[in-house]
Amino acid sequence: MKRKTEPELMEDETQVLAYAKADFSVAHDHFITLIKAQCVAGRMPETVLELGCGPGDITQRFAHAFPDCVIDAVDGSQPMLDSAQNMLPQYLRQRINFYRLLLPAIQFPRPRYHVVFSNSLLHHLHDPYTLWETLKQVVCPGGMVFIMDLIRPHSISEAKQLLYDYASGEPEVLKNDFYNSLLAAFSISEIRQQLHSAGLKLLVEQVTDRHVFITGKI
């Protein structure tokens, strides 16, 4: 099945509200667990960048999992950032900073980061090399990358089955978003080819029936 792109930014207020209210705890906790498994002694370097933070749910989970780090979280959608800021507890406001930033970007809040993580950004990008070149731009030499995203199903029927399995009880706007995101996602072989072309030696692993985990050092 060929890829069908979707809008790069989620800016519709109804869409943002539904996304912010949705319960993604299973997938998001799994992402954090995968990251923890890659960390020596469960510690995280101080400077961390999140690309495509959305409403900030994973941002907060990351901050709880790694209490020694400060996170710069960026997104291109101002409504998403407003939602993220509104839901941020007071006790995390010294450790999480939200910024509006469109990729590719010339400048980030800090020149380099020891860790960069991202969930569900790749499939929104019309040009996937935007992400891979950004990693080369902002990650310190030897720094770690943690990325999770959807995998494009092989067929429309498979996409509809995933929609039924994981979003049948969700509002219509979330169903549409999930289905469109599945069609916009990349296959594992496409991701590996992108990384090879970009000169990045990262591990690509399917971790659920719909998610891929990409990790390694720059």
N, C-alpha and C. Protein backbone atom coordinates (compact mmCIF):
# COMPACT_ATOMS: atom_id res chain seq x y z
N MET A 1 0.84 -1.19 0.00
CA MET A 1 0.00 0.00 0.00
C MET A 1 0.88 1.25 0.00
N LYS A 2 0.63 2.17 -0.93
CA LYS A 2 1.41 3.39 -1.01
C LYS A 2 1.08 4.33 0.14
N ARG A 3 2.08 5.13 0.50
CA ARG A 3 1.89 6.11 1.56
C ARG A 3 0.96 7.23 1.10
N LYS A 4 0.10 7.68 2.02
CA LYS A 4 -0.79 8.81 1.77
C LYS A 4 -0.53 9.84 2.85
N THR A 5 0.07 10.97 2.49
CA THR A 5 0.46 11.96 3.49
C THR A 5 -0.76 12.62 4.13
N GLU A 6 -0.54 13.15 5.32
CA GLU A 6 -1.55 13.93 6.02
C GLU A 6 -0.95 15.27 6.40
N PRO A 7 -1.74 16.24 6.87
CA PRO A 7 -1.17 17.54 7.25
C PRO A 7 -0.05 17.40 8.28
N GLU A 8 0.98 18.21 8.12
CA GLU A 8 2.11 18.11 9.04
C GLU A 8 1.77 18.62 10.43
N LEU A 9 0.87 19.58 10.54
CA LEU A 9 0.53 20.17 11.84
C LEU A 9 -0.91 19.86 12.22
N MET A 10 -1.13 19.63 13.52
CA MET A 10 -2.48 19.47 14.06
C MET A 10 -2.85 20.78 14.75
N GLU A 11 -3.68 21.59 14.08
CA GLU A 11 -3.99 22.92 14.60
C GLU A 11 -5.48 23.16 14.82
N ASP A 12 -6.32 22.27 14.32
CA ASP A 12 -7.76 22.42 14.54
C ASP A 12 -8.08 22.24 16.02
N GLU A 13 -8.84 23.17 16.59
CA GLU A 13 -9.10 23.15 18.04
C GLU A 13 -9.81 21.87 18.48
N THR A 14 -10.77 21.41 17.69
CA THR A 14 -11.49 20.17 18.04
C THR A 14 -10.54 18.98 18.03
N GLN A 15 -9.68 18.95 17.04
CA GLN A 15 -8.69 17.89 16.91
C GLN A 15 -7.71 17.91 18.09
N VAL A 16 -7.23 19.08 18.42
CA VAL A 16 -6.27 19.22 19.52
C VAL A 16 -6.90 18.81 20.84
N LEU A 17 -8.14 19.26 21.09
CA LEU A 17 -8.82 18.93 22.34
C LEU A 17 -9.04 17.43 22.47
N ALA A 18 -9.48 16.79 21.40
CA ALA A 18 -9.70 15.34 21.43
C ALA A 18 -8.41 14.59 21.67
N TYR A 19 -7.35 15.04 21.04
CA TYR A 19 -6.04 14.40 21.19
C TYR A 19 -5.53 14.56 22.62
N ALA A 20 -5.71 15.75 23.18
CA ALA A 20 -5.23 16.02 24.53
C ALA A 20 -5.99 15.21 25.58
N LYS A 21 -7.27 14.96 25.33
CA LYS A 21 -8.10 14.22 26.29
C LYS A 21 -7.97 12.71 26.15
N ALA A 22 -7.44 12.25 25.04
CA ALA A 22 -7.38 10.81 24.76
C ALA A 22 -6.42 10.10 25.72
N ASP A 23 -6.69 8.84 25.97
CA ASP A 23 -5.86 8.03 26.85
C ASP A 23 -4.88 7.21 26.00
N PHE A 24 -3.65 7.70 25.91
CA PHE A 24 -2.60 6.98 25.20
C PHE A 24 -1.61 6.33 26.17
N SER A 25 -2.04 6.09 27.39
CA SER A 25 -1.12 5.67 28.45
C SER A 25 -0.39 4.37 28.13
N VAL A 26 -1.07 3.41 27.51
CA VAL A 26 -0.42 2.13 27.22
C VAL A 26 0.75 2.33 26.27
N ALA A 27 0.51 2.99 25.14
CA ALA A 27 1.57 3.21 24.16
C ALA A 27 2.65 4.14 24.70
N HIS A 28 2.25 5.17 25.41
CA HIS A 28 3.23 6.14 25.91
C HIS A 28 4.09 5.54 27.02
N ASP A 29 3.48 4.76 27.91
CA ASP A 29 4.26 4.09 28.95
C ASP A 29 5.22 3.06 28.34
N HIS A 30 4.78 2.41 27.29
CA HIS A 30 5.65 1.45 26.60
C HIS A 30 6.87 2.16 26.03
N PHE A 31 6.67 3.33 25.45
CA PHE A 31 7.78 4.11 24.92
C PHE A 31 8.78 4.44 26.02
N ILE A 32 8.29 4.90 27.16
CA ILE A 32 9.18 5.23 28.28
C ILE A 32 9.92 3.99 28.76
N THR A 33 9.24 2.85 28.82
CA THR A 33 9.88 1.60 29.24
C THR A 33 11.01 1.22 28.27
N LEU A 34 10.78 1.38 26.98
CA LEU A 34 11.81 1.10 25.99
C LEU A 34 13.01 2.02 26.17
N ILE A 35 12.76 3.28 26.47
CA ILE A 35 13.85 4.23 26.69
C ILE A 35 14.64 3.84 27.93
N LYS A 36 13.94 3.52 29.01
CA LYS A 36 14.61 3.13 30.26
C LYS A 36 15.54 1.94 30.04
N ALA A 37 15.12 1.01 29.22
CA ALA A 37 15.91 -0.19 28.97
C ALA A 37 17.23 0.12 28.28
N GLN A 38 17.32 1.28 27.64
CA GLN A 38 18.54 1.68 26.93
C GLN A 38 19.48 2.52 27.79
N CYS A 39 19.03 2.90 28.99
CA CYS A 39 19.79 3.84 29.81
C CYS A 39 20.60 3.12 30.87
N VAL A 40 21.85 3.49 30.99
CA VAL A 40 22.73 2.91 32.00
C VAL A 40 22.30 3.39 33.38
N ALA A 41 22.04 2.45 34.28
CA ALA A 41 21.66 2.75 35.66
C ALA A 41 20.40 3.61 35.74
N GLY A 42 19.61 3.61 34.66
CA GLY A 42 18.36 4.35 34.68
C GLY A 42 18.50 5.85 34.73
N ARG A 43 19.70 6.36 34.41
CA ARG A 43 19.93 7.80 34.47
C ARG A 43 19.87 8.41 33.08
N MET A 44 19.59 9.71 33.06
CA MET A 44 19.44 10.43 31.80
C MET A 44 20.30 11.70 31.86
N PRO A 45 21.06 12.00 30.78
CA PRO A 45 21.81 13.25 30.76
C PRO A 45 20.90 14.46 30.97
N GLU A 46 21.51 15.57 31.35
CA GLU A 46 20.72 16.74 31.78
C GLU A 46 19.95 17.40 30.66
N THR A 47 20.56 17.55 29.48
CA THR A 47 19.91 18.30 28.41
C THR A 47 19.20 17.36 27.44
N VAL A 48 17.89 17.53 27.35
CA VAL A 48 17.05 16.63 26.55
C VAL A 48 16.14 17.47 25.65
N LEU A 49 15.97 17.03 24.41
CA LEU A 49 15.09 17.69 23.46
C LEU A 49 14.01 16.72 23.01
N GLU A 50 12.75 17.19 23.03
CA GLU A 50 11.66 16.41 22.46
C GLU A 50 11.18 17.09 21.19
N LEU A 51 11.12 16.35 20.11
CA LEU A 51 10.64 16.86 18.83
C LEU A 51 9.20 16.42 18.62
N GLY A 52 8.31 17.39 18.37
CA GLY A 52 6.89 17.08 18.16
C GLY A 52 6.21 16.65 19.44
N CYS A 53 6.21 17.53 20.43
CA CYS A 53 5.73 17.16 21.77
C CYS A 53 4.21 17.07 21.87
N GLY A 54 3.48 17.68 20.91
CA GLY A 54 2.02 17.64 21.00
C GLY A 54 1.52 18.24 22.30
N PRO A 55 0.52 17.63 22.94
CA PRO A 55 -0.04 18.18 24.18
C PRO A 55 0.77 17.86 25.43
N GLY A 56 1.95 17.25 25.25
CA GLY A 56 2.88 17.13 26.37
C GLY A 56 2.71 15.93 27.28
N ASP A 57 1.92 14.94 26.89
CA ASP A 57 1.73 13.78 27.77
C ASP A 57 3.02 12.98 27.94
N ILE A 58 3.69 12.66 26.84
CA ILE A 58 4.95 11.93 26.95
C ILE A 58 6.01 12.80 27.60
N THR A 59 5.96 14.09 27.36
CA THR A 59 6.91 15.01 28.00
C THR A 59 6.86 14.85 29.51
N GLN A 60 5.67 14.86 30.07
CA GLN A 60 5.52 14.70 31.51
C GLN A 60 5.95 13.31 31.97
N ARG A 61 5.61 12.28 31.23
CA ARG A 61 6.00 10.92 31.61
C ARG A 61 7.52 10.78 31.61
N PHE A 62 8.17 11.39 30.62
CA PHE A 62 9.63 11.36 30.55
C PHE A 62 10.23 12.08 31.76
N ALA A 63 9.68 13.23 32.11
CA ALA A 63 10.18 14.00 33.25
C ALA A 63 10.03 13.22 34.55
N HIS A 64 8.94 12.49 34.71
CA HIS A 64 8.75 11.67 35.91
C HIS A 64 9.73 10.49 35.94
N ALA A 65 9.98 9.91 34.77
CA ALA A 65 10.87 8.75 34.70
C ALA A 65 12.33 9.12 34.93
N PHE A 66 12.70 10.34 34.54
CA PHE A 66 14.10 10.78 34.64
C PHE A 66 14.14 12.14 35.33
N PRO A 67 14.11 12.14 36.66
CA PRO A 67 13.93 13.39 37.41
C PRO A 67 15.13 14.33 37.41
N ASP A 68 16.26 13.92 36.83
CA ASP A 68 17.44 14.79 36.84
C ASP A 68 17.57 15.65 35.58
N CYS A 69 16.69 15.45 34.61
CA CYS A 69 16.88 16.15 33.33
C CYS A 69 15.96 17.36 33.20
N VAL A 70 16.37 18.26 32.30
CA VAL A 70 15.55 19.39 31.87
C VAL A 70 15.20 19.15 30.41
N ILE A 71 13.92 19.33 30.06
CA ILE A 71 13.44 19.00 28.72
C ILE A 71 13.03 20.26 27.98
N ASP A 72 13.60 20.47 26.81
CA ASP A 72 13.10 21.46 25.86
C ASP A 72 12.19 20.71 24.89
N ALA A 73 10.90 21.02 24.91
CA ALA A 73 9.91 20.32 24.08
C ALA A 73 9.40 21.26 23.00
N VAL A 74 9.53 20.86 21.74
CA VAL A 74 9.16 21.74 20.63
C VAL A 74 8.04 21.11 19.80
N ASP A 75 7.22 21.99 19.22
CA ASP A 75 6.16 21.56 18.32
C ASP A 75 5.85 22.73 17.39
N GLY A 76 5.32 22.42 16.21
CA GLY A 76 4.98 23.48 15.27
C GLY A 76 3.59 24.03 15.44
N SER A 77 2.76 23.37 16.25
CA SER A 77 1.36 23.77 16.42
C SER A 77 1.18 24.56 17.70
N GLN A 78 0.81 25.83 17.58
CA GLN A 78 0.59 26.65 18.77
C GLN A 78 -0.57 26.13 19.62
N PRO A 79 -1.70 25.69 19.03
CA PRO A 79 -2.76 25.12 19.87
C PRO A 79 -2.30 23.91 20.68
N MET A 80 -1.46 23.07 20.11
CA MET A 80 -0.92 21.94 20.86
C MET A 80 -0.06 22.42 22.02
N LEU A 81 0.77 23.41 21.77
CA LEU A 81 1.63 23.94 22.82
C LEU A 81 0.82 24.61 23.91
N ASP A 82 -0.24 25.31 23.54
CA ASP A 82 -1.11 25.93 24.55
C ASP A 82 -1.73 24.86 25.43
N SER A 83 -2.17 23.77 24.83
CA SER A 83 -2.74 22.66 25.59
C SER A 83 -1.69 22.04 26.51
N ALA A 84 -0.48 21.86 25.99
CA ALA A 84 0.60 21.28 26.79
C ALA A 84 0.93 22.16 27.99
N GLN A 85 1.00 23.46 27.77
CA GLN A 85 1.32 24.39 28.86
C GLN A 85 0.21 24.41 29.90
N ASN A 86 -1.03 24.37 29.46
CA ASN A 86 -2.17 24.39 30.39
C ASN A 86 -2.22 23.15 31.27
N MET A 87 -1.78 22.02 30.74
CA MET A 87 -1.84 20.76 31.48
C MET A 87 -0.57 20.47 32.28
N LEU A 88 0.41 21.36 32.20
CA LEU A 88 1.68 21.13 32.88
C LEU A 88 1.58 21.47 34.36
N PRO A 89 1.81 20.51 35.26
CA PRO A 89 1.75 20.80 36.70
C PRO A 89 2.80 21.82 37.10
N GLN A 90 2.51 22.57 38.13
CA GLN A 90 3.41 23.62 38.59
C GLN A 90 4.79 23.06 38.94
N TYR A 91 4.81 21.87 39.54
CA TYR A 91 6.08 21.32 40.02
C TYR A 91 7.01 20.87 38.88
N LEU A 92 6.49 20.81 37.65
CA LEU A 92 7.34 20.46 36.51
C LEU A 92 7.75 21.66 35.68
N ARG A 93 7.29 22.83 36.04
CA ARG A 93 7.51 24.01 35.18
C ARG A 93 8.94 24.52 35.20
N GLN A 94 9.74 24.07 36.15
CA GLN A 94 11.16 24.42 36.15
C GLN A 94 11.98 23.44 35.31
N ARG A 95 11.35 22.36 34.89
CA ARG A 95 12.11 21.31 34.19
C ARG A 95 11.63 21.08 32.76
N ILE A 96 10.47 21.60 32.40
CA ILE A 96 9.94 21.43 31.04
C ILE A 96 9.68 22.79 30.43
N ASN A 97 10.29 23.04 29.28
CA ASN A 97 10.12 24.30 28.56
C ASN A 97 9.52 23.99 27.18
N PHE A 98 8.41 24.64 26.86
CA PHE A 98 7.75 24.44 25.57
C PHE A 98 8.10 25.58 24.61
N TYR A 99 8.38 25.21 23.35
CA TYR A 99 8.74 26.20 22.33
C TYR A 99 8.01 25.87 21.02
N ARG A 100 7.56 26.92 20.35
CA ARG A 100 7.01 26.72 19.00
C ARG A 100 8.16 26.77 18.00
N LEU A 101 8.28 25.72 17.22
CA LEU A 101 9.40 25.62 16.29
C LEU A 101 9.01 24.70 15.15
N LEU A 102 9.23 25.15 13.94
CA LEU A 102 8.92 24.37 12.74
C LEU A 102 10.20 23.75 12.19
N LEU A 103 10.12 22.48 11.83
CA LEU A 103 11.27 21.80 11.23
C LEU A 103 11.19 21.90 9.71
N PRO A 104 12.33 22.06 9.02
CA PRO A 104 13.67 22.21 9.58
C PRO A 104 13.86 23.59 10.21
N ALA A 105 14.69 23.64 11.24
CA ALA A 105 14.91 24.88 11.97
C ALA A 105 16.40 25.22 11.97
N ILE A 106 16.68 26.49 11.87
CA ILE A 106 18.08 26.94 11.90
C ILE A 106 18.62 26.90 13.32
N GLN A 107 17.77 27.24 14.28
CA GLN A 107 18.24 27.38 15.66
C GLN A 107 17.26 26.69 16.61
N PHE A 108 17.82 26.05 17.64
CA PHE A 108 17.04 25.42 18.69
C PHE A 108 17.33 26.12 20.01
N PRO A 109 16.54 25.85 21.06
CA PRO A 109 16.77 26.52 22.34
C PRO A 109 18.21 26.38 22.85
N ARG A 110 18.84 25.23 22.58
CA ARG A 110 20.25 25.02 22.91
C ARG A 110 20.96 24.52 21.65
N PRO A 111 22.26 24.77 21.55
CA PRO A 111 22.98 24.34 20.34
C PRO A 111 22.99 22.83 20.14
N ARG A 112 23.14 22.07 21.24
CA ARG A 112 23.24 20.61 21.16
C ARG A 112 22.57 19.97 22.37
N TYR A 113 22.17 18.70 22.18
CA TYR A 113 21.52 17.94 23.25
C TYR A 113 22.16 16.57 23.37
N HIS A 114 22.20 16.07 24.61
CA HIS A 114 22.72 14.72 24.85
C HIS A 114 21.70 13.64 24.47
N VAL A 115 20.43 14.00 24.53
CA VAL A 115 19.36 13.06 24.21
C VAL A 115 18.27 13.78 23.42
N VAL A 116 17.78 13.13 22.36
CA VAL A 116 16.61 13.62 21.62
C VAL A 116 15.61 12.47 21.53
N PHE A 117 14.35 12.76 21.87
CA PHE A 117 13.31 11.74 21.72
C PHE A 117 12.11 12.32 20.99
N SER A 118 11.33 11.43 20.40
CA SER A 118 10.19 11.87 19.60
C SER A 118 9.21 10.72 19.45
N ASN A 119 7.93 11.02 19.57
CA ASN A 119 6.89 10.03 19.34
C ASN A 119 5.88 10.57 18.32
N SER A 120 5.62 9.79 17.31
CA SER A 120 4.57 10.09 16.32
C SER A 120 4.78 11.41 15.59
N LEU A 121 6.04 11.77 15.37
CA LEU A 121 6.34 12.92 14.52
C LEU A 121 6.64 12.49 13.09
N LEU A 122 7.39 11.42 12.94
CA LEU A 122 7.90 11.03 11.62
C LEU A 122 6.79 10.91 10.59
N HIS A 123 5.69 10.27 10.94
CA HIS A 123 4.65 10.05 9.93
C HIS A 123 3.94 11.34 9.50
N HIS A 124 4.08 12.41 10.30
CA HIS A 124 3.48 13.69 9.92
C HIS A 124 4.33 14.44 8.88
N LEU A 125 5.61 14.10 8.80
CA LEU A 125 6.51 14.85 7.93
C LEU A 125 6.38 14.39 6.49
N HIS A 126 6.16 15.32 5.59
CA HIS A 126 6.08 14.97 4.18
C HIS A 126 7.44 14.51 3.67
N ASP A 127 8.50 15.12 4.19
CA ASP A 127 9.87 14.71 3.86
C ASP A 127 10.51 14.12 5.11
N PRO A 128 10.68 12.81 5.21
CA PRO A 128 11.22 12.21 6.43
C PRO A 128 12.65 12.63 6.73
N TYR A 129 13.39 13.05 5.71
CA TYR A 129 14.78 13.45 5.94
C TYR A 129 14.87 14.72 6.78
N THR A 130 13.76 15.44 6.89
CA THR A 130 13.72 16.58 7.81
C THR A 130 14.07 16.14 9.22
N LEU A 131 13.54 15.01 9.65
CA LEU A 131 13.85 14.50 10.99
C LEU A 131 15.28 14.00 11.08
N TRP A 132 15.71 13.21 10.11
CA TRP A 132 17.05 12.62 10.20
C TRP A 132 18.14 13.69 10.14
N GLU A 133 17.96 14.72 9.33
CA GLU A 133 18.96 15.80 9.28
C GLU A 133 18.92 16.64 10.55
N THR A 134 17.74 16.79 11.13
CA THR A 134 17.63 17.51 12.40
C THR A 134 18.40 16.80 13.50
N LEU A 135 18.33 15.47 13.53
CA LEU A 135 19.08 14.72 14.54
C LEU A 135 20.57 14.97 14.40
N LYS A 136 21.07 14.97 13.19
CA LYS A 136 22.50 15.23 12.98
C LYS A 136 22.87 16.65 13.39
N GLN A 137 21.92 17.54 13.30
CA GLN A 137 22.14 18.94 13.64
C GLN A 137 22.22 19.18 15.14
N VAL A 138 21.36 18.51 15.92
CA VAL A 138 21.19 18.91 17.33
C VAL A 138 21.73 17.92 18.35
N VAL A 139 22.01 16.68 17.95
CA VAL A 139 22.47 15.69 18.94
C VAL A 139 23.99 15.79 19.09
N CYS A 140 24.46 15.84 20.34
CA CYS A 140 25.89 15.85 20.61
C CYS A 140 26.53 14.58 20.06
N PRO A 141 27.80 14.64 19.67
CA PRO A 141 28.49 13.40 19.28
C PRO A 141 28.41 12.37 20.41
N GLY A 142 27.94 11.20 20.08
CA GLY A 142 27.75 10.17 21.09
C GLY A 142 26.43 10.25 21.82
N GLY A 143 25.62 11.26 21.48
CA GLY A 143 24.32 11.41 22.12
C GLY A 143 23.33 10.37 21.66
N MET A 144 22.27 10.18 22.45
CA MET A 144 21.29 9.13 22.20
C MET A 144 20.03 9.66 21.54
N VAL A 145 19.43 8.80 20.72
CA VAL A 145 18.18 9.10 20.02
C VAL A 145 17.16 8.01 20.36
N PHE A 146 15.93 8.44 20.68
CA PHE A 146 14.83 7.50 20.94
C PHE A 146 13.60 7.98 20.16
N ILE A 147 13.17 7.19 19.21
CA ILE A 147 12.03 7.58 18.37
C ILE A 147 11.04 6.42 18.30
N MET A 148 9.76 6.73 18.49
CA MET A 148 8.72 5.73 18.25
C MET A 148 7.71 6.32 17.28
N ASP A 149 7.22 5.49 16.39
CA ASP A 149 6.22 5.95 15.43
C ASP A 149 5.38 4.78 14.95
N LEU A 150 4.36 5.11 14.19
CA LEU A 150 3.51 4.09 13.61
C LEU A 150 4.18 3.42 12.42
N ILE A 151 3.73 2.22 12.12
CA ILE A 151 4.15 1.48 10.93
C ILE A 151 2.97 1.44 9.96
N ARG A 152 3.23 1.72 8.69
CA ARG A 152 2.15 1.68 7.71
C ARG A 152 1.71 0.23 7.46
N PRO A 153 0.42 -0.05 7.58
CA PRO A 153 -0.08 -1.40 7.30
C PRO A 153 0.14 -1.77 5.83
N HIS A 154 0.04 -3.07 5.55
CA HIS A 154 0.24 -3.53 4.18
C HIS A 154 -0.96 -3.26 3.29
N SER A 155 -2.13 -3.07 3.89
CA SER A 155 -3.35 -2.93 3.09
C SER A 155 -4.38 -2.07 3.82
N ILE A 156 -5.38 -1.62 3.09
CA ILE A 156 -6.48 -0.88 3.68
C ILE A 156 -7.22 -1.73 4.70
N SER A 157 -7.42 -3.00 4.39
CA SER A 157 -8.14 -3.88 5.32
C SER A 157 -7.37 -4.04 6.63
N GLU A 158 -6.05 -4.11 6.55
CA GLU A 158 -5.24 -4.20 7.77
C GLU A 158 -5.33 -2.91 8.57
N ALA A 159 -5.33 -1.77 7.88
CA ALA A 159 -5.47 -0.48 8.56
C ALA A 159 -6.81 -0.39 9.27
N LYS A 160 -7.86 -0.85 8.61
CA LYS A 160 -9.19 -0.81 9.22
C LYS A 160 -9.30 -1.75 10.41
N GLN A 161 -8.58 -2.87 10.37
CA GLN A 161 -8.58 -3.78 11.51
C GLN A 161 -7.88 -3.15 12.71
N LEU A 162 -6.77 -2.47 12.47
CA LEU A 162 -6.07 -1.77 13.55
C LEU A 162 -6.95 -0.66 14.12
N LEU A 163 -7.67 0.02 13.25
CA LEU A 163 -8.60 1.05 13.70
C LEU A 163 -9.66 0.45 14.61
N TYR A 164 -10.19 -0.69 14.24
CA TYR A 164 -11.21 -1.37 15.05
C TYR A 164 -10.61 -1.84 16.38
N ASP A 165 -9.40 -2.39 16.33
CA ASP A 165 -8.77 -2.95 17.53
C ASP A 165 -8.42 -1.88 18.56
N TYR A 166 -8.01 -0.69 18.11
CA TYR A 166 -7.43 0.27 19.04
C TYR A 166 -8.17 1.60 19.14
N ALA A 167 -9.15 1.85 18.29
CA ALA A 167 -9.82 3.15 18.35
C ALA A 167 -11.32 3.07 18.15
N SER A 168 -11.90 1.89 18.23
CA SER A 168 -13.33 1.75 17.94
C SER A 168 -14.21 2.52 18.93
N GLY A 169 -13.73 2.71 20.15
CA GLY A 169 -14.53 3.43 21.14
C GLY A 169 -14.20 4.90 21.27
N GLU A 170 -13.34 5.41 20.40
CA GLU A 170 -12.88 6.80 20.48
C GLU A 170 -13.81 7.72 19.69
N PRO A 171 -13.75 9.04 19.97
CA PRO A 171 -14.51 10.01 19.18
C PRO A 171 -14.13 9.93 17.69
N GLU A 172 -15.05 10.35 16.84
CA GLU A 172 -14.84 10.23 15.40
C GLU A 172 -13.58 10.95 14.94
N VAL A 173 -13.29 12.09 15.55
CA VAL A 173 -12.11 12.85 15.13
C VAL A 173 -10.83 12.06 15.41
N LEU A 174 -10.79 11.32 16.52
CA LEU A 174 -9.62 10.50 16.82
C LEU A 174 -9.52 9.29 15.90
N LYS A 175 -10.66 8.71 15.59
CA LYS A 175 -10.66 7.59 14.64
C LYS A 175 -10.08 8.03 13.30
N ASN A 176 -10.52 9.18 12.82
CA ASN A 176 -10.03 9.68 11.54
C ASN A 176 -8.54 9.97 11.60
N ASP A 177 -8.10 10.58 12.70
CA ASP A 177 -6.68 10.89 12.85
C ASP A 177 -5.83 9.62 12.85
N PHE A 178 -6.27 8.63 13.61
CA PHE A 178 -5.50 7.38 13.71
C PHE A 178 -5.43 6.68 12.35
N TYR A 179 -6.55 6.61 11.68
CA TYR A 179 -6.58 5.95 10.37
C TYR A 179 -5.69 6.69 9.36
N ASN A 180 -5.80 8.00 9.31
CA ASN A 180 -4.98 8.79 8.40
C ASN A 180 -3.50 8.68 8.74
N SER A 181 -3.20 8.59 10.05
CA SER A 181 -1.80 8.46 10.47
C SER A 181 -1.23 7.10 10.06
N LEU A 182 -2.03 6.06 10.15
CA LEU A 182 -1.57 4.75 9.70
C LEU A 182 -1.21 4.78 8.22
N LEU A 183 -2.03 5.44 7.42
CA LEU A 183 -1.77 5.52 5.98
C LEU A 183 -0.58 6.41 5.66
N ALA A 184 -0.28 7.36 6.56
CA ALA A 184 0.83 8.29 6.35
C ALA A 184 2.16 7.76 6.87
N ALA A 185 2.11 6.68 7.64
CA ALA A 185 3.32 6.15 8.26
C ALA A 185 4.22 5.47 7.22
N PHE A 186 5.45 5.18 7.65
CA PHE A 186 6.42 4.51 6.78
C PHE A 186 6.53 3.04 7.15
N SER A 187 6.96 2.24 6.21
CA SER A 187 7.26 0.84 6.51
C SER A 187 8.65 0.77 7.15
N ILE A 188 8.94 -0.35 7.79
CA ILE A 188 10.25 -0.52 8.41
C ILE A 188 11.35 -0.49 7.36
N SER A 189 11.12 -1.11 6.23
CA SER A 189 12.15 -1.10 5.18
C SER A 189 12.40 0.31 4.66
N GLU A 190 11.36 1.12 4.56
CA GLU A 190 11.53 2.51 4.13
C GLU A 190 12.35 3.29 5.15
N ILE A 191 12.08 3.08 6.43
CA ILE A 191 12.83 3.78 7.47
C ILE A 191 14.30 3.38 7.44
N ARG A 192 14.57 2.11 7.28
CA ARG A 192 15.96 1.65 7.22
C ARG A 192 16.68 2.26 6.02
N GLN A 193 16.00 2.37 4.90
CA GLN A 193 16.60 2.98 3.72
C GLN A 193 16.86 4.46 3.94
N GLN A 194 15.94 5.14 4.60
CA GLN A 194 16.14 6.56 4.92
C GLN A 194 17.37 6.75 5.79
N LEU A 195 17.50 5.93 6.82
CA LEU A 195 18.63 6.04 7.73
C LEU A 195 19.94 5.76 7.01
N HIS A 196 19.94 4.77 6.14
CA HIS A 196 21.14 4.46 5.36
C HIS A 196 21.53 5.65 4.49
N SER A 197 20.55 6.24 3.82
CA SER A 197 20.82 7.39 2.96
C SER A 197 21.29 8.59 3.75
N ALA A 198 20.79 8.73 4.99
CA ALA A 198 21.17 9.86 5.84
C ALA A 198 22.48 9.61 6.58
N GLY A 199 23.03 8.42 6.47
CA GLY A 199 24.28 8.10 7.15
C GLY A 199 24.13 7.91 8.65
N LEU A 200 22.97 7.45 9.08
CA LEU A 200 22.71 7.22 10.51
C LEU A 200 22.62 5.73 10.78
N LYS A 201 23.41 5.26 11.74
CA LYS A 201 23.42 3.84 12.10
C LYS A 201 22.58 3.64 13.35
N LEU A 202 21.27 3.64 13.16
CA LEU A 202 20.33 3.47 14.27
C LEU A 202 19.62 2.13 14.14
N LEU A 203 19.28 1.56 15.28
CA LEU A 203 18.55 0.30 15.32
C LEU A 203 17.07 0.55 15.05
N VAL A 204 16.47 -0.22 14.17
CA VAL A 204 15.05 -0.11 13.84
C VAL A 204 14.38 -1.43 14.20
N GLU A 205 13.40 -1.36 15.10
CA GLU A 205 12.79 -2.59 15.62
C GLU A 205 11.27 -2.41 15.74
N GLN A 206 10.52 -3.37 15.24
CA GLN A 206 9.08 -3.36 15.45
C GLN A 206 8.80 -3.84 16.86
N VAL A 207 8.05 -3.02 17.64
CA VAL A 207 7.84 -3.32 19.05
C VAL A 207 6.39 -3.63 19.39
N THR A 208 5.45 -3.30 18.50
CA THR A 208 4.05 -3.73 18.63
C THR A 208 3.53 -4.00 17.23
N ASP A 209 2.26 -4.35 17.13
CA ASP A 209 1.69 -4.59 15.80
C ASP A 209 1.51 -3.31 15.00
N ARG A 210 1.79 -2.16 15.62
CA ARG A 210 1.61 -0.89 14.91
C ARG A 210 2.71 0.13 15.18
N HIS A 211 3.72 -0.23 15.98
CA HIS A 211 4.77 0.72 16.35
C HIS A 211 6.16 0.22 15.98
N VAL A 212 7.00 1.18 15.60
CA VAL A 212 8.42 0.93 15.39
C VAL A 212 9.20 1.78 16.38
N PHE A 213 10.32 1.24 16.88
CA PHE A 213 11.20 1.93 17.82
C PHE A 213 12.55 2.08 17.15
N ILE A 214 13.06 3.30 17.14
CA ILE A 214 14.32 3.62 16.47
C ILE A 214 15.25 4.23 17.51
N THR A 215 16.42 3.64 17.69
CA THR A 215 17.30 4.11 18.75
C THR A 215 18.77 3.90 18.38
N GLY A 216 19.63 4.62 19.08
CA GLY A 216 21.06 4.48 18.88
C GLY A 216 21.79 5.78 19.16
N LYS A 217 23.10 5.76 18.92
CA LYS A 217 23.94 6.93 19.14
C LYS A 217 24.26 7.60 17.82
N ILE A 218 24.39 8.91 17.89
CA ILE A 218 24.75 9.70 16.71
C ILE A 218 26.27 9.79 16.59
